[in-house]
Amino acid sequence: MNPVPRGPFAEGDKVLLLDSKRRRHLVTLKPDGEFHSHAGVLKHADLIGADEGISVRTTKGARLIAVRPTLGDFVLEMPRGAQVIYPKDLGPILMHADVFPGARVLESGVGSGALTMTLLRALGPQGHVLGYEIRDDFAGRARRNVEAFLGPDVPLDIEVRDIYDGIEATGLDRILLDLPEPWRVVPHAETALVPGGILLAYLPTILQVSQLRDVIAESAFGMAQTLEVLQRTWHVEGQSVRPDHRMVAHTGFLTFARLLAPIE
């Protein structure tokens, strides 16, 4: 994987531009490139060689702040074909699935690659992500997004296949699912995971969660939990301190369980 870039902006770097209204624009720097908006034109050459965090002016005098995008920024701004898992859920997924450096992880329902690149960042070069995706166009887009942010040298294999038909891989540490019927995967996960391995599913509705938990309860998995993450930001400006009027409420439920040894 490419190291996290530091120092002045260089050709090929991805840059996040923020205007006075906090609108965000993701660009890739080219020597002769230009960023066009209603607020004017900014030449990429004005950024190449400049330090991160610089403020620049467009041809119409509008001020833009230029920084390198974080992983969360890139997830929100990257091209997508399928709905992505948002940053507010990506962090808790890493924690509750206990994704560690060097782990072997199967992800099914790769979509646009948001979770994939989050996993790769956490696993490091010694880990490995195996992706199952039923749509070839989604698989291609996911790999392009991953390589656009992390570079081409990533420990990732994506197979166009249906996980409901089975899992060929064995000795997996974690299985993460973003698909409509994860309960159909539970029997396959029992043989694919190492003892103590973790299965985690991301689901939009509580009825799906209920069906998954019923199947988990009759399986070799135990210690099951379900949660959702709610995100509320705050307005802090001088003496005006209050919760923001809008918050990011429900996006999905996280259900996770561990593969346990049979009770003798």
C-alpha atoms as a PDB file:
ATOM      1  CA  MET A   1       0.000   0.000   0.000  1.00  0.00           C
ATOM      2  CA  ASN A   2       1.104   3.545  -0.651  1.00  0.00           C
ATOM      3  CA  PRO A   3       2.419   5.323   2.453  1.00  0.00           C
ATOM      4  CA  VAL A   4       0.317   8.201   3.745  1.00  0.00           C
ATOM      5  CA  PRO A   5       1.648  11.265   1.862  1.00  0.00           C
ATOM      6  CA  ARG A   6       3.250  14.054   3.853  1.00  0.00           C
ATOM      7  CA  GLY A   7       4.902  17.344   3.077  1.00  0.00           C
ATOM      8  CA  PRO A   8       4.028  19.742   0.263  1.00  0.00           C
ATOM      9  CA  PHE A   9       1.414  18.828  -2.315  1.00  0.00           C
ATOM     10  CA  ALA A  10       2.794  17.011  -5.358  1.00  0.00           C
ATOM     11  CA  GLU A  11       1.541  16.038  -8.781  1.00  0.00           C
ATOM     12  CA  GLY A  12      -0.904  13.133  -8.483  1.00  0.00           C
ATOM     13  CA  ASP A  13      -1.925  13.952  -4.910  1.00  0.00           C
ATOM     14  CA  LYS A  14      -5.576  13.990  -4.010  1.00  0.00           C
ATOM     15  CA  VAL A  15      -6.651  17.304  -2.482  1.00  0.00           C
ATOM     16  CA  LEU A  16      -9.857  18.232  -0.709  1.00  0.00           C
ATOM     17  CA  LEU A  17     -10.959  21.830  -1.336  1.00  0.00           C
ATOM     18  CA  LEU A  18     -13.369  23.462   1.123  1.00  0.00           C
ATOM     19  CA  ASP A  19     -15.121  26.750   0.398  1.00  0.00           C
ATOM     20  CA  SER A  20     -16.598  29.293   2.815  1.00  0.00           C
ATOM     21  CA  LYS A  21     -19.878  27.343   2.985  1.00  0.00           C
ATOM     22  CA  ARG A  22     -18.051  24.103   3.813  1.00  0.00           C
ATOM     23  CA  ARG A  23     -18.776  22.582   0.419  1.00  0.00           C
ATOM     24  CA  ARG A  24     -16.200  19.944  -0.423  1.00  0.00           C
ATOM     25  CA  HIS A  25     -14.516  19.160  -3.726  1.00  0.00           C
ATOM     26  CA  LEU A  26     -12.067  16.316  -4.338  1.00  0.00           C
ATOM     27  CA  VAL A  27      -9.440  16.855  -7.050  1.00  0.00           C
ATOM     28  CA  THR A  28      -6.315  15.045  -8.253  1.00  0.00           C
ATOM     29  CA  LEU A  29      -3.464  17.440  -8.944  1.00  0.00           C
ATOM     30  CA  LYS A  30      -2.115  17.739 -12.495  1.00  0.00           C
ATOM     31  CA  PRO A  31       0.489  20.263 -13.687  1.00  0.00           C
ATOM     32  CA  ASP A  32      -1.920  21.801 -16.223  1.00  0.00           C
ATOM     33  CA  GLY A  33      -5.121  21.012 -14.322  1.00  0.00           C
ATOM     34  CA  GLU A  34      -7.788  23.482 -13.248  1.00  0.00           C
ATOM     35  CA  PHE A  35     -10.624  23.345 -10.751  1.00  0.00           C
ATOM     36  CA  HIS A  36     -13.768  25.109 -12.022  1.00  0.00           C
ATOM     37  CA  SER A  37     -16.737  26.159  -9.916  1.00  0.00           C
ATOM     38  CA  HIS A  38     -19.280  28.967  -9.691  1.00  0.00           C
ATOM     39  CA  ALA A  39     -16.738  30.720  -7.449  1.00  0.00           C
ATOM     40  CA  GLY A  40     -14.093  30.876 -10.178  1.00  0.00           C
ATOM     41  CA  VAL A  41     -11.106  28.899 -11.398  1.00  0.00           C
ATOM     42  CA  LEU A  42      -8.156  27.586  -9.412  1.00  0.00           C
ATOM     43  CA  LYS A  43      -5.058  26.311 -11.185  1.00  0.00           C
ATOM     44  CA  HIS A  44      -3.620  23.097  -9.788  1.00  0.00           C
ATOM     45  CA  ALA A  45      -0.173  24.672 -10.205  1.00  0.00           C
ATOM     46  CA  ASP A  46      -1.097  27.063  -7.382  1.00  0.00           C
ATOM     47  CA  LEU A  47      -1.247  24.059  -5.054  1.00  0.00           C
ATOM     48  CA  ILE A  48       1.650  21.913  -6.259  1.00  0.00           C
ATOM     49  CA  GLY A  49       4.588  22.560  -3.947  1.00  0.00           C
ATOM     50  CA  ALA A  50       2.409  24.314  -1.327  1.00  0.00           C
ATOM     51  CA  ASP A  51       1.994  23.058   2.222  1.00  0.00           C
ATOM     52  CA  GLU A  52      -1.153  21.247   3.285  1.00  0.00           C
ATOM     53  CA  GLY A  53      -3.694  23.522   4.950  1.00  0.00           C
ATOM     54  CA  ILE A  54      -2.976  26.469   2.639  1.00  0.00           C
ATOM     55  CA  SER A  55      -5.707  28.975   1.771  1.00  0.00           C
ATOM     56  CA  VAL A  56      -5.852  29.994  -1.886  1.00  0.00           C
ATOM     57  CA  ARG A  57      -8.012  32.321  -3.981  1.00  0.00           C
ATOM     58  CA  THR A  58      -9.879  31.563  -7.192  1.00  0.00           C
ATOM     59  CA  THR A  59      -9.979  33.902 -10.159  1.00  0.00           C
ATOM     60  CA  LYS A  60     -13.106  35.472  -8.601  1.00  0.00           C
ATOM     61  CA  GLY A  61     -11.430  35.971  -5.236  1.00  0.00           C
ATOM     62  CA  ALA A  62     -13.203  33.133  -3.421  1.00  0.00           C
ATOM     63  CA  ARG A  63     -11.133  31.533  -0.671  1.00  0.00           C
ATOM     64  CA  LEU A  64     -10.551  27.761  -0.629  1.00  0.00           C
ATOM     65  CA  ILE A  65      -8.766  25.699   2.009  1.00  0.00           C
ATOM     66  CA  ALA A  66      -6.703  22.817   0.617  1.00  0.00           C
ATOM     67  CA  VAL A  67      -5.947  19.665   2.643  1.00  0.00           C
ATOM     68  CA  ARG A  68      -5.322  16.021   1.892  1.00  0.00           C
ATOM     69  CA  PRO A  69      -8.515  13.981   2.272  1.00  0.00           C
ATOM     70  CA  THR A  70      -8.806  11.605   5.193  1.00  0.00           C
ATOM     71  CA  LEU A  71     -10.151   8.127   4.581  1.00  0.00           C
ATOM     72  CA  GLY A  72     -13.541   9.363   5.815  1.00  0.00           C
ATOM     73  CA  ASP A  73     -13.423  12.294   3.389  1.00  0.00           C
ATOM     74  CA  PHE A  74     -12.598  10.004   0.483  1.00  0.00           C
ATOM     75  CA  VAL A  75     -15.414   7.578   1.340  1.00  0.00           C
ATOM     76  CA  LEU A  76     -17.922  10.425   1.206  1.00  0.00           C
ATOM     77  CA  GLU A  77     -16.606  11.927  -2.037  1.00  0.00           C
ATOM     78  CA  MET A  78     -15.443   8.908  -4.077  1.00  0.00           C
ATOM     79  CA  PRO A  79     -17.333   7.578  -7.130  1.00  0.00           C
ATOM     80  CA  ARG A  80     -19.933   5.015  -6.148  1.00  0.00           C
ATOM     81  CA  GLY A  81     -22.304   2.577  -7.782  1.00  0.00           C
ATOM     82  CA  ALA A  82     -23.744   1.057  -4.623  1.00  0.00           C
ATOM     83  CA  GLN A  83     -24.674   2.719  -1.336  1.00  0.00           C
ATOM     84  CA  VAL A  84     -21.642   2.874   0.943  1.00  0.00           C
ATOM     85  CA  ILE A  85     -21.229   2.250   4.661  1.00  0.00           C
ATOM     86  CA  TYR A  86     -20.574   5.685   6.145  1.00  0.00           C
ATOM     87  CA  PRO A  87     -17.674   6.685   8.414  1.00  0.00           C
ATOM     88  CA  LYS A  88     -19.867   6.743  11.531  1.00  0.00           C
ATOM     89  CA  ASP A  89     -20.352   2.971  11.151  1.00  0.00           C
ATOM     90  CA  LEU A  90     -16.945   2.079   9.695  1.00  0.00           C
ATOM     91  CA  GLY A  91     -15.083   2.853  12.913  1.00  0.00           C
ATOM     92  CA  PRO A  92     -17.411   0.788  15.158  1.00  0.00           C
ATOM     93  CA  ILE A  93     -17.231  -2.093  12.662  1.00  0.00           C
ATOM     94  CA  LEU A  94     -13.450  -2.214  13.040  1.00  0.00           C
ATOM     95  CA  MET A  95     -13.770  -2.205  16.835  1.00  0.00           C
ATOM     96  CA  HIS A  96     -16.614  -4.699  17.262  1.00  0.00           C
ATOM     97  CA  ALA A  97     -15.203  -7.060  14.638  1.00  0.00           C
ATOM     98  CA  ASP A  98     -11.804  -6.582  16.305  1.00  0.00           C
ATOM     99  CA  VAL A  99     -10.007  -6.219  12.983  1.00  0.00           C
ATOM    100  CA  PHE A 100      -6.300  -6.489  13.752  1.00  0.00           C
ATOM    101  CA  PRO A 101      -3.058  -6.164  11.729  1.00  0.00           C
ATOM    102  CA  GLY A 102      -2.368  -9.333   9.786  1.00  0.00           C
ATOM    103  CA  ALA A 103      -5.923 -10.727   9.958  1.00  0.00           C
ATOM    104  CA  ARG A 104      -7.525 -12.707   7.146  1.00  0.00           C
ATOM    105  CA  VAL A 105     -10.922 -11.170   6.418  1.00  0.00           C
ATOM    106  CA  LEU A 106     -13.742 -12.119   4.061  1.00  0.00           C
ATOM    107  CA  GLU A 107     -16.028  -9.273   3.032  1.00  0.00           C
ATOM    108  CA  SER A 108     -19.171  -9.983   1.055  1.00  0.00           C
ATOM    109  CA  GLY A 109     -21.180  -7.246  -0.583  1.00  0.00           C
ATOM    110  CA  VAL A 110     -18.141  -5.195  -1.555  1.00  0.00           C
ATOM    111  CA  GLY A 111     -20.220  -2.487  -3.242  1.00  0.00           C
ATOM    112  CA  SER A 112     -18.161   0.650  -3.873  1.00  0.00           C
ATOM    113  CA  GLY A 113     -15.289  -0.365  -1.590  1.00  0.00           C
ATOM    114  CA  ALA A 114     -15.740   1.883   1.466  1.00  0.00           C
ATOM    115  CA  LEU A 115     -15.462  -0.941   3.992  1.00  0.00           C
ATOM    116  CA  THR A 116     -12.810  -2.651   1.872  1.00  0.00           C
ATOM    117  CA  MET A 117     -10.343   0.231   2.062  1.00  0.00           C
ATOM    118  CA  THR A 118     -11.115   0.722   5.762  1.00  0.00           C
ATOM    119  CA  LEU A 119     -10.253  -2.922   6.396  1.00  0.00           C
ATOM    120  CA  LEU A 120      -7.063  -2.740   4.345  1.00  0.00           C
ATOM    121  CA  ARG A 121      -5.899   0.300   6.322  1.00  0.00           C
ATOM    122  CA  ALA A 122      -6.429  -1.607   9.590  1.00  0.00           C
ATOM    123  CA  LEU A 123      -5.000  -4.946   8.428  1.00  0.00           C
ATOM    124  CA  GLY A 124      -1.753  -3.556   7.044  1.00  0.00           C
ATOM    125  CA  PRO A 125       0.416  -5.254   4.405  1.00  0.00           C
ATOM    126  CA  GLN A 126       0.550  -8.570   6.291  1.00  0.00           C
ATOM    127  CA  GLY A 127      -3.243  -8.979   6.339  1.00  0.00           C
ATOM    128  CA  HIS A 128      -5.543  -9.961   3.510  1.00  0.00           C
ATOM    129  CA  VAL A 129      -9.058  -9.095   2.359  1.00  0.00           C
ATOM    130  CA  LEU A 130     -11.005 -11.528   0.200  1.00  0.00           C
ATOM    131  CA  GLY A 131     -14.073  -9.906  -1.322  1.00  0.00           C
ATOM    132  CA  TYR A 132     -17.136 -11.687  -2.707  1.00  0.00           C
ATOM    133  CA  GLU A 133     -19.306  -9.524  -4.975  1.00  0.00           C
ATOM    134  CA  ILE A 134     -22.086 -10.759  -7.268  1.00  0.00           C
ATOM    135  CA  ARG A 135     -21.895  -7.785  -9.658  1.00  0.00           C
ATOM    136  CA  ASP A 136     -18.865  -7.459 -11.878  1.00  0.00           C
ATOM    137  CA  ASP A 137     -19.344  -3.692 -12.322  1.00  0.00           C
ATOM    138  CA  PHE A 138     -19.412  -3.152  -8.541  1.00  0.00           C
ATOM    139  CA  ALA A 139     -16.297  -5.287  -8.120  1.00  0.00           C
ATOM    140  CA  GLY A 140     -14.449  -3.208 -10.711  1.00  0.00           C
ATOM    141  CA  ARG A 141     -15.520   0.104  -9.211  1.00  0.00           C
ATOM    142  CA  ALA A 142     -14.553  -1.043  -5.708  1.00  0.00           C
ATOM    143  CA  ARG A 143     -11.049  -1.991  -6.826  1.00  0.00           C
ATOM    144  CA  ARG A 144     -10.612   1.328  -8.646  1.00  0.00           C
ATOM    145  CA  ASN A 145     -11.696   3.252  -5.554  1.00  0.00           C
ATOM    146  CA  VAL A 146      -9.390   1.247  -3.303  1.00  0.00           C
ATOM    147  CA  GLU A 147      -6.407   1.710  -5.593  1.00  0.00           C
ATOM    148  CA  ALA A 148      -7.175   5.416  -6.035  1.00  0.00           C
ATOM    149  CA  PHE A 149      -6.728   5.957  -2.300  1.00  0.00           C
ATOM    150  CA  LEU A 150      -4.330   3.196  -1.190  1.00  0.00           C
ATOM    151  CA  GLY A 151      -2.436   2.459  -4.399  1.00  0.00           C
ATOM    152  CA  PRO A 152      -2.333  -0.714  -6.523  1.00  0.00           C
ATOM    153  CA  ASP A 153      -0.166  -2.791  -4.164  1.00  0.00           C
ATOM    154  CA  VAL A 154      -2.852  -3.881  -1.701  1.00  0.00           C
ATOM    155  CA  PRO A 155      -3.502  -7.370  -0.219  1.00  0.00           C
ATOM    156  CA  LEU A 156      -6.914  -7.639  -1.840  1.00  0.00           C
ATOM    157  CA  ASP A 157      -8.627 -10.244  -3.993  1.00  0.00           C
ATOM    158  CA  ILE A 158     -12.185  -9.707  -5.236  1.00  0.00           C
ATOM    159  CA  GLU A 159     -14.105 -12.627  -6.692  1.00  0.00           C
ATOM    160  CA  VAL A 160     -17.357 -12.258  -8.609  1.00  0.00           C
ATOM    161  CA  ARG A 161     -19.415 -14.918  -6.880  1.00  0.00           C
ATOM    162  CA  ASP A 162     -22.446 -15.459  -4.643  1.00  0.00           C
ATOM    163  CA  ILE A 163     -21.562 -16.136  -1.002  1.00  0.00           C
ATOM    164  CA  TYR A 164     -24.971 -17.758  -0.495  1.00  0.00           C
ATOM    165  CA  ASP A 165     -23.596 -20.679  -2.543  1.00  0.00           C
ATOM    166  CA  GLY A 166     -20.798 -21.257  -0.055  1.00  0.00           C
ATOM    167  CA  ILE A 167     -17.349 -20.110   1.101  1.00  0.00           C
ATOM    168  CA  GLU A 168     -14.324 -21.914  -0.284  1.00  0.00           C
ATOM    169  CA  ALA A 169     -11.792 -20.171   1.941  1.00  0.00           C
ATOM    170  CA  THR A 170     -10.972 -21.577   5.383  1.00  0.00           C
ATOM    171  CA  GLY A 171      -8.981 -20.330   8.350  1.00  0.00           C
ATOM    172  CA  LEU A 172     -10.584 -16.887   8.193  1.00  0.00           C
ATOM    173  CA  ASP A 173     -10.338 -14.604  11.218  1.00  0.00           C
ATOM    174  CA  ARG A 174     -13.342 -12.411  10.395  1.00  0.00           C
ATOM    175  CA  ILE A 175     -16.339 -12.440   8.044  1.00  0.00           C
ATOM    176  CA  LEU A 176     -18.104  -9.126   7.391  1.00  0.00           C
ATOM    177  CA  LEU A 177     -21.402  -9.054   5.509  1.00  0.00           C
ATOM    178  CA  ASP A 178     -23.290  -6.204   3.844  1.00  0.00           C
ATOM    179  CA  LEU A 179     -26.055  -8.095   2.041  1.00  0.00           C
ATOM    180  CA  PRO A 180     -29.808  -8.646   2.387  1.00  0.00           C
ATOM    181  CA  GLU A 181     -29.928 -12.201   3.807  1.00  0.00           C
ATOM    182  CA  PRO A 182     -26.851 -12.795   5.981  1.00  0.00           C
ATOM    183  CA  TRP A 183     -28.585 -15.650   7.848  1.00  0.00           C
ATOM    184  CA  ARG A 184     -28.011 -17.761   4.739  1.00  0.00           C
ATOM    185  CA  VAL A 185     -24.260 -17.337   5.276  1.00  0.00           C
ATOM    186  CA  VAL A 186     -24.181 -18.494   8.909  1.00  0.00           C
ATOM    187  CA  PRO A 187     -23.723 -22.247   8.113  1.00  0.00           C
ATOM    188  CA  HIS A 188     -20.917 -21.444   5.662  1.00  0.00           C
ATOM    189  CA  ALA A 189     -19.238 -19.138   8.199  1.00  0.00           C
ATOM    190  CA  GLU A 190     -19.179 -21.936  10.794  1.00  0.00           C
ATOM    191  CA  THR A 191     -16.721 -23.911   8.662  1.00  0.00           C
ATOM    192  CA  ALA A 192     -14.781 -20.970   7.193  1.00  0.00           C
ATOM    193  CA  LEU A 193     -13.860 -19.151  10.433  1.00  0.00           C
ATOM    194  CA  VAL A 194     -11.183 -20.117  12.929  1.00  0.00           C
ATOM    195  CA  PRO A 195     -12.440 -20.968  16.443  1.00  0.00           C
ATOM    196  CA  GLY A 196     -13.297 -17.705  18.172  1.00  0.00           C
ATOM    197  CA  GLY A 197     -13.628 -15.936  14.832  1.00  0.00           C
ATOM    198  CA  ILE A 198     -16.126 -13.107  14.470  1.00  0.00           C
ATOM    199  CA  LEU A 199     -19.077 -12.786  12.104  1.00  0.00           C
ATOM    200  CA  LEU A 200     -20.485  -9.265  11.647  1.00  0.00           C
ATOM    201  CA  ALA A 201     -23.462  -8.212   9.524  1.00  0.00           C
ATOM    202  CA  TYR A 202     -24.604  -4.702   8.573  1.00  0.00           C
ATOM    203  CA  LEU A 203     -28.375  -4.513   8.019  1.00  0.00           C
ATOM    204  CA  PRO A 204     -30.827  -1.647   7.399  1.00  0.00           C
ATOM    205  CA  THR A 205     -33.963  -3.061   9.089  1.00  0.00           C
ATOM    206  CA  ILE A 206     -34.666  -4.627  12.480  1.00  0.00           C
ATOM    207  CA  LEU A 207     -36.759  -7.391  10.876  1.00  0.00           C
ATOM    208  CA  GLN A 208     -33.647  -8.577   9.041  1.00  0.00           C
ATOM    209  CA  VAL A 209     -31.734  -8.394  12.309  1.00  0.00           C
ATOM    210  CA  SER A 210     -34.391 -10.495  14.051  1.00  0.00           C
ATOM    211  CA  GLN A 211     -34.195 -13.205  11.404  1.00  0.00           C
ATOM    212  CA  LEU A 212     -30.390 -13.230  11.592  1.00  0.00           C
ATOM    213  CA  ARG A 213     -30.419 -13.486  15.388  1.00  0.00           C
ATOM    214  CA  ASP A 214     -32.858 -16.413  15.250  1.00  0.00           C
ATOM    215  CA  VAL A 215     -30.472 -18.338  13.001  1.00  0.00           C
ATOM    216  CA  ILE A 216     -27.420 -17.387  15.079  1.00  0.00           C
ATOM    217  CA  ALA A 217     -29.193 -18.656  18.208  1.00  0.00           C
ATOM    218  CA  GLU A 218     -29.452 -22.140  16.636  1.00  0.00           C
ATOM    219  CA  SER A 219     -25.852 -22.154  15.342  1.00  0.00           C
ATOM    220  CA  ALA A 220     -22.354 -22.607  16.757  1.00  0.00           C
ATOM    221  CA  PHE A 221     -22.104 -18.842  17.206  1.00  0.00           C
ATOM    222  CA  GLY A 222     -22.597 -17.174  20.561  1.00  0.00           C
ATOM    223  CA  MET A 223     -22.056 -13.877  22.402  1.00  0.00           C
ATOM    224  CA  ALA A 224     -24.284 -12.169  19.836  1.00  0.00           C
ATOM    225  CA  GLN A 225     -24.995  -8.451  20.118  1.00  0.00           C
ATOM    226  CA  THR A 226     -26.830  -5.874  17.996  1.00  0.00           C
ATOM    227  CA  LEU A 227     -26.378  -2.109  18.083  1.00  0.00           C
ATOM    228  CA  GLU A 228     -26.811   1.032  16.020  1.00  0.00           C
ATOM    229  CA  VAL A 229     -24.673   4.151  16.013  1.00  0.00           C
ATOM    230  CA  LEU A 230     -26.255   7.619  16.191  1.00  0.00           C
ATOM    231  CA  GLN A 231     -24.138  10.687  15.442  1.00  0.00           C
ATOM    232  CA  ARG A 232     -25.033  14.163  16.658  1.00  0.00           C
ATOM    233  CA  THR A 233     -22.768  17.137  16.058  1.00  0.00           C
ATOM    234  CA  TRP A 234     -22.815  20.380  18.048  1.00  0.00           C
ATOM    235  CA  HIS A 235     -22.938  24.019  17.033  1.00  0.00           C
ATOM    236  CA  VAL A 236     -20.215  25.855  18.971  1.00  0.00           C
ATOM    237  CA  GLU A 237     -19.811  29.550  18.141  1.00  0.00           C
ATOM    238  CA  GLY A 238     -19.023  31.999  20.919  1.00  0.00           C
ATOM    239  CA  GLN A 239     -21.790  31.862  23.516  1.00  0.00           C
ATOM    240  CA  SER A 240     -24.028  29.915  21.133  1.00  0.00           C
ATOM    241  CA  VAL A 241     -23.503  26.297  22.166  1.00  0.00           C
ATOM    242  CA  ARG A 242     -26.233  23.800  21.294  1.00  0.00           C
ATOM    243  CA  PRO A 243     -26.823  20.540  19.454  1.00  0.00           C
ATOM    244  CA  ASP A 244     -27.059  20.938  15.689  1.00  0.00           C
ATOM    245  CA  HIS A 245     -30.615  20.903  14.366  1.00  0.00           C
ATOM    246  CA  ARG A 246     -29.862  17.869  12.219  1.00  0.00           C
ATOM    247  CA  MET A 247     -28.089  14.641  13.117  1.00  0.00           C
ATOM    248  CA  VAL A 248     -27.078  11.443  11.351  1.00  0.00           C
ATOM    249  CA  ALA A 249     -29.450   8.989  12.962  1.00  0.00           C
ATOM    250  CA  HIS A 250     -30.192   5.474  11.743  1.00  0.00           C
ATOM    251  CA  THR A 251     -28.147   4.114   8.869  1.00  0.00           C
ATOM    252  CA  GLY A 252     -27.838   0.448   9.783  1.00  0.00           C
ATOM    253  CA  PHE A 253     -27.700  -2.137  12.550  1.00  0.00           C
ATOM    254  CA  LEU A 254     -24.462  -3.933  13.431  1.00  0.00           C
ATOM    255  CA  THR A 255     -24.896  -7.531  14.575  1.00  0.00           C
ATOM    256  CA  PHE A 256     -21.850  -9.539  15.589  1.00  0.00           C
ATOM    257  CA  ALA A 257     -21.191 -12.950  17.120  1.00  0.00           C
ATOM    258  CA  ARG A 258     -18.257 -15.288  17.829  1.00  0.00           C
ATOM    259  CA  LEU A 259     -17.713 -18.872  16.754  1.00  0.00           C
ATOM    260  CA  LEU A 260     -17.631 -21.006  19.902  1.00  0.00           C
ATOM    261  CA  ALA A 261     -16.640 -24.596  20.609  1.00  0.00           C
ATOM    262  CA  PRO A 262     -19.495 -27.136  20.979  1.00  0.00           C
ATOM    263  CA  ILE A 263     -20.784 -27.630  24.514  1.00  0.00           C
ATOM    264  CA  GLU A 264     -19.809 -31.085  25.740  1.00  0.00           C
END
